[in-house]
Amino acid sequence: MTDIEGATLRESLRQLVRHLGVLEKSDTGEGGISLAQCHALVEIGRDGKANLNELAQRMHVDKSTMSRTIEQLVRAGIAMREPDETDRRYVVIRLSKTGQHLFERTEHDMDTYFQRIFMRIASEKRQQVLQSLALLNEAIMHDAQG
């Protein structure tokens, strides 16, 4: 990769992250939760339940950071801690009814938004975009693993 290509990749990703960050902040503001809390909400909502270690690993944060994030969701009435049904020594995190409603609304809003964005891409380029994003995500994950 040339210096110019590296700089172009960096600038494109910087702008993309900034645009998505603004989008996510504006969407989570309505529910009164932070961006980190919104990411945790989605992870829990998609699986139906999670434990602290799983969430910390998926979100690439340490366990204490995830614990504080979950504590804020519990205090806000969005999530609940419950004993694991199969092993009562473990705690499972689930969404409350309020949390489930917020999750469903967030998923719907994000799906609608990204469908709208995707339709703005020429139909003959859509698969190329998806393949490129998959390659980029794979490269980033591989690099993060060492």
Protein backbone atom coordinates (compact mmCIF):
# COMPACT_ATOMS: atom_id res chain seq x y z
CA MET A 1 0.00 0.00 0.00
CA THR A 2 1.29 3.44 -0.81
CA ASP A 3 1.33 6.31 1.66
CA ILE A 4 -1.44 7.98 -0.34
CA GLU A 5 -3.62 4.84 -0.24
CA GLY A 6 -3.07 4.49 3.50
CA ALA A 7 -3.96 8.13 4.07
CA THR A 8 -7.05 7.79 1.87
CA LEU A 9 -8.21 4.69 3.80
CA ARG A 10 -7.63 6.45 7.11
CA GLU A 11 -9.50 9.58 6.05
CA SER A 12 -12.42 7.60 4.61
CA LEU A 13 -12.76 5.56 7.79
CA ARG A 14 -12.41 8.64 9.99
CA GLN A 15 -15.26 10.33 8.16
CA LEU A 16 -17.38 7.18 8.23
CA VAL A 17 -16.88 6.72 11.98
CA ARG A 18 -17.66 10.38 12.59
CA HIS A 19 -20.85 10.22 10.52
CA LEU A 20 -22.01 7.02 12.18
CA GLY A 21 -21.12 8.36 15.63
CA VAL A 22 -23.27 11.43 15.07
CA LEU A 23 -26.09 9.23 13.81
CA GLU A 24 -25.91 6.88 16.78
CA LYS A 25 -25.71 9.69 19.33
CA SER A 26 -28.76 11.39 17.88
CA ASP A 27 -30.72 8.14 17.89
CA THR A 28 -29.75 7.14 21.42
CA GLY A 29 -30.46 10.57 22.85
CA GLU A 30 -34.18 9.92 22.70
CA GLY A 31 -33.84 6.92 25.01
CA GLY A 32 -31.50 8.84 27.32
CA ILE A 33 -28.68 6.31 27.08
CA SER A 34 -25.06 6.67 26.05
CA LEU A 35 -23.53 5.22 22.91
CA ALA A 36 -21.80 2.45 24.93
CA GLN A 37 -25.09 1.61 26.62
CA CYS A 38 -26.81 1.50 23.23
CA HIS A 39 -24.21 -0.98 21.92
CA ALA A 40 -24.71 -3.16 25.00
CA LEU A 41 -28.51 -2.91 24.59
CA VAL A 42 -28.24 -4.18 21.01
CA GLU A 43 -25.88 -7.03 21.94
CA ILE A 44 -28.18 -8.21 24.72
CA GLY A 45 -31.32 -7.70 22.65
CA ARG A 46 -30.03 -9.69 19.69
CA ASP A 47 -29.13 -12.70 21.83
CA GLY A 48 -31.96 -12.39 24.33
CA LYS A 49 -29.47 -12.65 27.18
CA ALA A 50 -25.74 -12.33 27.82
CA ASN A 51 -23.22 -12.45 30.60
CA LEU A 52 -20.72 -9.78 31.51
CA ASN A 53 -17.67 -11.61 30.14
CA GLU A 54 -19.32 -12.26 26.76
CA LEU A 55 -20.37 -8.64 26.41
CA ALA A 56 -16.94 -7.32 27.35
CA GLN A 57 -15.29 -9.58 24.78
CA ARG A 58 -17.76 -8.72 22.00
CA MET A 59 -17.47 -5.01 22.63
CA HIS A 60 -13.68 -5.09 23.13
CA VAL A 61 -13.75 -3.45 26.56
CA ASP A 62 -12.56 -4.65 29.95
CA LYS A 63 -14.93 -6.33 32.35
CA SER A 64 -15.02 -3.39 34.79
CA THR A 65 -16.06 -0.97 32.02
CA MET A 66 -18.78 -3.36 30.90
CA SER A 67 -19.92 -3.81 34.50
CA ARG A 68 -20.39 -0.03 34.87
CA THR A 69 -22.26 0.14 31.57
CA ILE A 70 -24.62 -2.66 32.61
CA GLU A 71 -25.10 -1.12 36.06
CA GLN A 72 -26.29 2.09 34.37
CA LEU A 73 -28.74 0.10 32.22
CA VAL A 74 -30.04 -1.73 35.31
CA ARG A 75 -30.51 1.54 37.23
CA ALA A 76 -32.38 3.01 34.25
CA GLY A 77 -34.74 0.02 34.23
CA ILE A 78 -33.52 -1.09 30.79
CA ALA A 79 -31.73 -4.29 31.81
CA MET A 80 -31.99 -6.84 34.62
CA ARG A 81 -29.52 -9.18 36.25
CA GLU A 82 -30.83 -12.68 36.91
CA PRO A 83 -29.28 -15.95 38.08
CA ASP A 84 -28.45 -18.29 35.19
CA GLU A 85 -31.12 -21.00 34.84
CA THR A 86 -28.54 -23.78 34.39
CA ASP A 87 -25.88 -22.58 36.83
CA ARG A 88 -27.05 -20.25 39.59
CA ARG A 89 -23.45 -19.17 40.32
CA TYR A 90 -23.55 -17.10 37.13
CA VAL A 91 -25.52 -13.95 36.40
CA VAL A 92 -27.35 -13.42 33.12
CA ILE A 93 -28.25 -9.99 31.81
CA ARG A 94 -31.61 -9.60 30.06
CA LEU A 95 -33.59 -6.63 28.84
CA SER A 96 -36.60 -5.42 30.78
CA LYS A 97 -39.83 -4.70 28.91
CA THR A 98 -38.70 -1.09 28.60
CA GLY A 99 -35.31 -2.25 27.36
CA GLN A 100 -36.86 -4.66 24.86
CA HIS A 101 -39.05 -1.86 23.49
CA LEU A 102 -36.02 0.46 23.21
CA PHE A 103 -34.02 -2.31 21.52
CA GLU A 104 -36.78 -3.02 18.99
CA ARG A 105 -37.18 0.68 18.21
CA THR A 106 -33.41 1.11 17.83
CA GLU A 107 -33.15 -1.91 15.52
CA HIS A 108 -36.07 -0.71 13.42
CA ASP A 109 -34.68 2.81 13.12
CA MET A 110 -31.20 1.56 12.21
CA ASP A 111 -32.56 -0.94 9.68
CA THR A 112 -34.65 1.77 8.04
CA TYR A 113 -31.73 4.20 7.96
CA PHE A 114 -29.23 1.75 6.49
CA GLN A 115 -31.72 0.46 3.93
CA ARG A 116 -32.21 4.06 2.80
CA ILE A 117 -28.44 4.57 2.57
CA PHE A 118 -27.92 1.27 0.74
CA MET A 119 -30.55 2.20 -1.85
CA ARG A 120 -28.54 5.34 -2.65
CA ILE A 121 -25.74 3.12 -3.92
CA ALA A 122 -26.03 2.07 -7.55
CA SER A 123 -27.55 -1.41 -7.70
CA GLU A 124 -24.59 -2.81 -9.63
CA LYS A 125 -22.20 -1.63 -6.88
CA ARG A 126 -24.09 -2.89 -3.81
CA GLN A 127 -22.50 -6.36 -3.66
CA GLN A 128 -19.09 -4.79 -4.15
CA VAL A 129 -19.70 -2.51 -1.16
CA LEU A 130 -20.81 -5.43 1.03
CA GLN A 131 -17.82 -7.55 0.01
CA SER A 132 -15.41 -4.67 0.62
CA LEU A 133 -16.86 -3.99 4.05
CA ALA A 134 -16.58 -7.69 4.94
CA LEU A 135 -12.92 -7.71 3.85
CA LEU A 136 -12.19 -4.55 5.81
CA ASN A 137 -13.91 -5.87 8.94
CA GLU A 138 -12.00 -9.16 8.67
CA ALA A 139 -8.67 -7.32 8.31
CA ILE A 140 -9.41 -5.12 11.33
CA MET A 141 -10.42 -8.11 13.48
CA HIS A 142 -7.32 -10.05 12.39
CA ASP A 143 -5.10 -7.09 13.28
CA ALA A 144 -6.79 -6.70 16.69
CA GLN A 145 -6.07 -10.34 17.50
CA GLY A 146 -2.37 -9.75 17.04
